[in-house]
């Protein structure tokens, strides 16, 4: 599946350009704790907004397409 198609699928499912930790974990089929481990290892980055961390749909789509290496 192409990156463009994955982004479109994620956008239509979540109707936003940035995902919460729970949404990102759900999209990647991992737990929130695993997502935090990926973030701490630098495999995926989040953008802080206030006290929460959000993940761009594009970054999650790339992780789905290419896989995550820790």
C-alpha atoms as a PDB file:
ATOM      1  CA  UNK A   1       0.000   0.000   0.000  1.00  0.00           C
ATOM      2  CA  UNK A   2       1.335   3.432  -0.846  1.00  0.00           C
ATOM      3  CA  UNK A   3       2.069   6.101   1.743  1.00  0.00           C
ATOM      4  CA  UNK A   4      -0.638   8.310   0.266  1.00  0.00           C
ATOM      5  CA  UNK A   5      -3.261   5.562   0.667  1.00  0.00           C
ATOM      6  CA  UNK A   6      -2.220   4.852   4.248  1.00  0.00           C
ATOM      7  CA  UNK A   7      -2.436   8.565   5.112  1.00  0.00           C
ATOM      8  CA  UNK A   8      -5.887   8.781   3.519  1.00  0.00           C
ATOM      9  CA  UNK A   9      -7.071   5.713   5.452  1.00  0.00           C
ATOM     10  CA  UNK A  10      -5.779   7.103   8.756  1.00  0.00           C
ATOM     11  CA  UNK A  11      -7.247  10.525   8.080  1.00  0.00           C
ATOM     12  CA  UNK A  12     -10.650   9.081   7.239  1.00  0.00           C
ATOM     13  CA  UNK A  13     -10.606   6.837  10.327  1.00  0.00           C
ATOM     14  CA  UNK A  14      -9.495   9.488  12.841  1.00  0.00           C
ATOM     15  CA  UNK A  15     -10.583  12.674  11.008  1.00  0.00           C
ATOM     16  CA  UNK A  16      -7.518  14.629  12.157  1.00  0.00           C
ATOM     17  CA  UNK A  17      -3.909  15.270  11.116  1.00  0.00           C
ATOM     18  CA  UNK A  18      -2.426  14.515  14.548  1.00  0.00           C
ATOM     19  CA  UNK A  19      -3.127  11.466  16.683  1.00  0.00           C
ATOM     20  CA  UNK A  20      -3.162  11.119  20.447  1.00  0.00           C
ATOM     21  CA  UNK A  21      -0.983   8.443  22.032  1.00  0.00           C
ATOM     22  CA  UNK A  22      -3.969   6.099  22.288  1.00  0.00           C
ATOM     23  CA  UNK A  23      -4.940   6.641  18.638  1.00  0.00           C
ATOM     24  CA  UNK A  24      -1.341   6.230  17.433  1.00  0.00           C
ATOM     25  CA  UNK A  25      -0.937   3.033  19.462  1.00  0.00           C
ATOM     26  CA  UNK A  26      -4.223   1.737  18.046  1.00  0.00           C
ATOM     27  CA  UNK A  27      -3.160   2.569  14.473  1.00  0.00           C
ATOM     28  CA  UNK A  28       0.153   0.738  14.984  1.00  0.00           C
ATOM     29  CA  UNK A  29      -1.531  -2.179  16.821  1.00  0.00           C
ATOM     30  CA  UNK A  30       0.710  -1.752  19.865  1.00  0.00           C
ATOM     31  CA  UNK A  31       0.122  -0.726  23.463  1.00  0.00           C
ATOM     32  CA  UNK A  32       0.607   2.831  24.680  1.00  0.00           C
ATOM     33  CA  UNK A  33       3.584   1.580  26.731  1.00  0.00           C
ATOM     34  CA  UNK A  34       5.203   0.141  23.587  1.00  0.00           C
ATOM     35  CA  UNK A  35       4.568   3.412  21.750  1.00  0.00           C
ATOM     36  CA  UNK A  36       6.294   5.245  24.631  1.00  0.00           C
ATOM     37  CA  UNK A  37       9.241   2.840  24.326  1.00  0.00           C
ATOM     38  CA  UNK A  38       9.486   3.555  20.590  1.00  0.00           C
ATOM     39  CA  UNK A  39       9.421   7.284  21.302  1.00  0.00           C
ATOM     40  CA  UNK A  40      12.112   7.043  24.005  1.00  0.00           C
ATOM     41  CA  UNK A  41      14.284   4.962  21.654  1.00  0.00           C
ATOM     42  CA  UNK A  42      13.899   7.615  18.942  1.00  0.00           C
ATOM     43  CA  UNK A  43      12.163   5.256  16.512  1.00  0.00           C
ATOM     44  CA  UNK A  44       9.160   7.567  16.370  1.00  0.00           C
ATOM     45  CA  UNK A  45       8.783  11.146  17.543  1.00  0.00           C
ATOM     46  CA  UNK A  46       5.871  12.957  19.041  1.00  0.00           C
ATOM     47  CA  UNK A  47       5.142  16.634  19.252  1.00  0.00           C
ATOM     48  CA  UNK A  48       4.250  18.001  22.666  1.00  0.00           C
ATOM     49  CA  UNK A  49       1.156  20.200  22.844  1.00  0.00           C
ATOM     50  CA  UNK A  50       0.659  21.361  26.377  1.00  0.00           C
ATOM     51  CA  UNK A  51       0.877  18.302  28.602  1.00  0.00           C
ATOM     52  CA  UNK A  52       0.040  15.804  25.844  1.00  0.00           C
ATOM     53  CA  UNK A  53       2.053  14.311  23.006  1.00  0.00           C
ATOM     54  CA  UNK A  54       0.646  14.028  19.504  1.00  0.00           C
ATOM     55  CA  UNK A  55       1.888  12.065  16.503  1.00  0.00           C
ATOM     56  CA  UNK A  56       1.468  13.194  12.914  1.00  0.00           C
ATOM     57  CA  UNK A  57      -0.526  10.936  10.645  1.00  0.00           C
ATOM     58  CA  UNK A  58       2.326  11.059   8.130  1.00  0.00           C
ATOM     59  CA  UNK A  59       4.812   9.710  10.690  1.00  0.00           C
ATOM     60  CA  UNK A  60       2.443   6.932  11.741  1.00  0.00           C
ATOM     61  CA  UNK A  61       1.796   6.084   8.068  1.00  0.00           C
ATOM     62  CA  UNK A  62       5.551   5.829   7.411  1.00  0.00           C
ATOM     63  CA  UNK A  63       5.911   3.553  10.435  1.00  0.00           C
ATOM     64  CA  UNK A  64       3.101   1.345   9.123  1.00  0.00           C
ATOM     65  CA  UNK A  65       4.630   1.222   5.641  1.00  0.00           C
ATOM     66  CA  UNK A  66       8.280   0.732   6.663  1.00  0.00           C
ATOM     67  CA  UNK A  67       7.976  -0.855  10.095  1.00  0.00           C
ATOM     68  CA  UNK A  68       9.606   0.431  13.271  1.00  0.00           C
ATOM     69  CA  UNK A  69      13.166  -0.434  14.171  1.00  0.00           C
ATOM     70  CA  UNK A  70      14.261   0.158  17.724  1.00  0.00           C
END
